[in-house]
Amino acid sequence: MKIYVGNLSFNVTEEELKKLFSEHGNVSSVDIIKDKFTGKSRGFGFVEMADQSEAESAIQALNGKKVKDRNIKVNQARPRSNRPKARSSF
């Protein structure tokens, strides 16, 4: 299951995120999304866990948890096609 992790502190590393989620099961991958121009974190990322029940346990346990002075938002990632479209300012 792919898990969305939002409201991340900009200095959280992928290794720290992996360690946090590993307490709830086997983590397949971690990807913190970075700005393509600056290379700095955009404050959110994704964690992939192979086992559905472990992923659900991690979501329940970690949603709202304080990590580096920020309460993270954790939920099942939605497929790209199901996300709301960004509004254009034009």
C-alpha atoms as a PDB file:
ATOM      1  CA  MET A   1       0.000   0.000   0.000  1.00  0.00           C
ATOM      2  CA  LYS A   2       1.236   3.475  -0.828  1.00  0.00           C
ATOM      3  CA  ILE A   3       0.917   5.924   2.060  1.00  0.00           C
ATOM      4  CA  TYR A   4       0.889   9.718   1.824  1.00  0.00           C
ATOM      5  CA  VAL A   5       2.801  11.544   4.565  1.00  0.00           C
ATOM      6  CA  GLY A   6       2.187  15.296   4.752  1.00  0.00           C
ATOM      7  CA  ASN A   7       3.129  18.278   6.920  1.00  0.00           C
ATOM      8  CA  LEU A   8       6.691  16.998   7.190  1.00  0.00           C
ATOM      9  CA  SER A   9       9.384  19.198   8.630  1.00  0.00           C
ATOM     10  CA  PHE A  10      11.663  20.277   5.781  1.00  0.00           C
ATOM     11  CA  ASN A  11      14.670  18.637   7.477  1.00  0.00           C
ATOM     12  CA  VAL A  12      13.181  15.137   7.918  1.00  0.00           C
ATOM     13  CA  THR A  13      15.221  12.586   5.952  1.00  0.00           C
ATOM     14  CA  GLU A  14      14.018   9.525   4.067  1.00  0.00           C
ATOM     15  CA  GLU A  15      16.029   7.378   6.494  1.00  0.00           C
ATOM     16  CA  GLU A  16      14.212   8.912   9.493  1.00  0.00           C
ATOM     17  CA  LEU A  17      10.846   8.339   7.823  1.00  0.00           C
ATOM     18  CA  LYS A  18      11.753   4.736   7.043  1.00  0.00           C
ATOM     19  CA  LYS A  19      12.780   4.131  10.655  1.00  0.00           C
ATOM     20  CA  LEU A  20       9.512   5.641  11.916  1.00  0.00           C
ATOM     21  CA  PHE A  21       7.327   3.458   9.660  1.00  0.00           C
ATOM     22  CA  SER A  22       9.487   0.344  10.184  1.00  0.00           C
ATOM     23  CA  GLU A  23       8.235   0.224  13.768  1.00  0.00           C
ATOM     24  CA  HIS A  24       4.896  -0.893  12.269  1.00  0.00           C
ATOM     25  CA  GLY A  25       6.097  -3.303   9.581  1.00  0.00           C
ATOM     26  CA  ASN A  26       8.261  -3.850   6.529  1.00  0.00           C
ATOM     27  CA  VAL A  27       8.853  -0.687   4.467  1.00  0.00           C
ATOM     28  CA  SER A  28       9.394  -1.245   0.736  1.00  0.00           C
ATOM     29  CA  SER A  29      10.325   2.327  -0.187  1.00  0.00           C
ATOM     30  CA  VAL A  30      10.357   5.927   1.014  1.00  0.00           C
ATOM     31  CA  ASP A  31      10.268   8.975  -1.236  1.00  0.00           C
ATOM     32  CA  ILE A  32      10.282  12.538   0.084  1.00  0.00           C
ATOM     33  CA  ILE A  33       9.197  14.873  -2.714  1.00  0.00           C
ATOM     34  CA  LYS A  34      11.724  17.611  -3.468  1.00  0.00           C
ATOM     35  CA  ASP A  35      11.504  20.855  -5.413  1.00  0.00           C
ATOM     36  CA  LYS A  36      12.983  20.258  -8.864  1.00  0.00           C
ATOM     37  CA  PHE A  37      14.842  23.590  -8.874  1.00  0.00           C
ATOM     38  CA  THR A  38      16.165  23.874  -5.307  1.00  0.00           C
ATOM     39  CA  GLY A  39      16.319  20.207  -4.328  1.00  0.00           C
ATOM     40  CA  LYS A  40      14.720  21.057  -0.954  1.00  0.00           C
ATOM     41  CA  SER A  41      11.886  19.053   0.565  1.00  0.00           C
ATOM     42  CA  ARG A  42       8.358  20.154  -0.349  1.00  0.00           C
ATOM     43  CA  GLY A  43       7.071  18.927   3.039  1.00  0.00           C
ATOM     44  CA  PHE A  44       5.441  15.683   1.943  1.00  0.00           C
ATOM     45  CA  GLY A  45       6.335  12.232   0.715  1.00  0.00           C
ATOM     46  CA  PHE A  46       5.244   8.658   0.229  1.00  0.00           C
ATOM     47  CA  VAL A  47       5.973   5.415   2.047  1.00  0.00           C
ATOM     48  CA  GLU A  48       5.296   2.038   0.437  1.00  0.00           C
ATOM     49  CA  MET A  49       4.491  -0.960   2.636  1.00  0.00           C
ATOM     50  CA  ALA A  50       3.855  -4.398   1.125  1.00  0.00           C
ATOM     51  CA  ASP A  51       1.533  -5.715   3.835  1.00  0.00           C
ATOM     52  CA  GLN A  52      -1.923  -4.071   3.887  1.00  0.00           C
ATOM     53  CA  SER A  53      -2.562  -4.660   7.602  1.00  0.00           C
ATOM     54  CA  GLU A  54       0.858  -3.283   8.584  1.00  0.00           C
ATOM     55  CA  ALA A  55       0.224  -0.213   6.433  1.00  0.00           C
ATOM     56  CA  GLU A  56      -3.187   0.365   8.023  1.00  0.00           C
ATOM     57  CA  SER A  57      -1.626  -0.037  11.475  1.00  0.00           C
ATOM     58  CA  ALA A  58       1.041   2.541  10.608  1.00  0.00           C
ATOM     59  CA  ILE A  59      -1.590   4.996   9.342  1.00  0.00           C
ATOM     60  CA  GLN A  60      -3.628   4.643  12.546  1.00  0.00           C
ATOM     61  CA  ALA A  61      -0.587   4.965  14.813  1.00  0.00           C
ATOM     62  CA  LEU A  62       1.220   7.794  13.020  1.00  0.00           C
ATOM     63  CA  ASN A  63      -1.514  10.135  11.785  1.00  0.00           C
ATOM     64  CA  GLY A  64      -1.231  13.291  13.911  1.00  0.00           C
ATOM     65  CA  LYS A  65       2.042  12.170  15.547  1.00  0.00           C
ATOM     66  CA  LYS A  66       4.517  14.947  16.320  1.00  0.00           C
ATOM     67  CA  VAL A  67       7.731  14.537  14.300  1.00  0.00           C
ATOM     68  CA  LYS A  68      10.333  17.309  14.596  1.00  0.00           C
ATOM     69  CA  ASP A  69       7.805  19.794  16.010  1.00  0.00           C
ATOM     70  CA  ARG A  70       5.140  19.134  13.344  1.00  0.00           C
ATOM     71  CA  ASN A  71       2.056  16.916  13.500  1.00  0.00           C
ATOM     72  CA  ILE A  72       2.298  14.746  10.409  1.00  0.00           C
ATOM     73  CA  LYS A  73      -0.699  13.814   8.287  1.00  0.00           C
ATOM     74  CA  VAL A  74      -0.749  10.141   7.280  1.00  0.00           C
ATOM     75  CA  ASN A  75      -3.302   8.416   5.051  1.00  0.00           C
ATOM     76  CA  GLN A  76      -3.606   6.071   2.110  1.00  0.00           C
ATOM     77  CA  ALA A  77      -2.299   7.730  -1.034  1.00  0.00           C
ATOM     78  CA  ARG A  78      -4.889   8.399  -3.713  1.00  0.00           C
ATOM     79  CA  PRO A  79      -4.149   7.546  -7.334  1.00  0.00           C
ATOM     80  CA  ARG A  80      -3.152  10.580  -9.402  1.00  0.00           C
ATOM     81  CA  SER A  81      -6.391  10.445 -11.414  1.00  0.00           C
ATOM     82  CA  ASN A  82      -8.513  10.778  -8.235  1.00  0.00           C
ATOM     83  CA  ARG A  83      -6.839  13.929  -6.931  1.00  0.00           C
ATOM     84  CA  PRO A  84      -8.613  17.269  -7.195  1.00  0.00           C
ATOM     85  CA  LYS A  85      -7.353  19.389 -10.063  1.00  0.00           C
ATOM     86  CA  ALA A  86      -5.250  22.434  -9.202  1.00  0.00           C
ATOM     87  CA  ARG A  87      -6.964  25.700  -9.860  1.00  0.00           C
ATOM     88  CA  SER A  88      -5.389  27.956 -12.415  1.00  0.00           C
ATOM     89  CA  SER A  89      -4.961  31.625 -11.629  1.00  0.00           C
ATOM     90  CA  PHE A  90      -5.373  32.580 -15.303  1.00  0.00           C
END
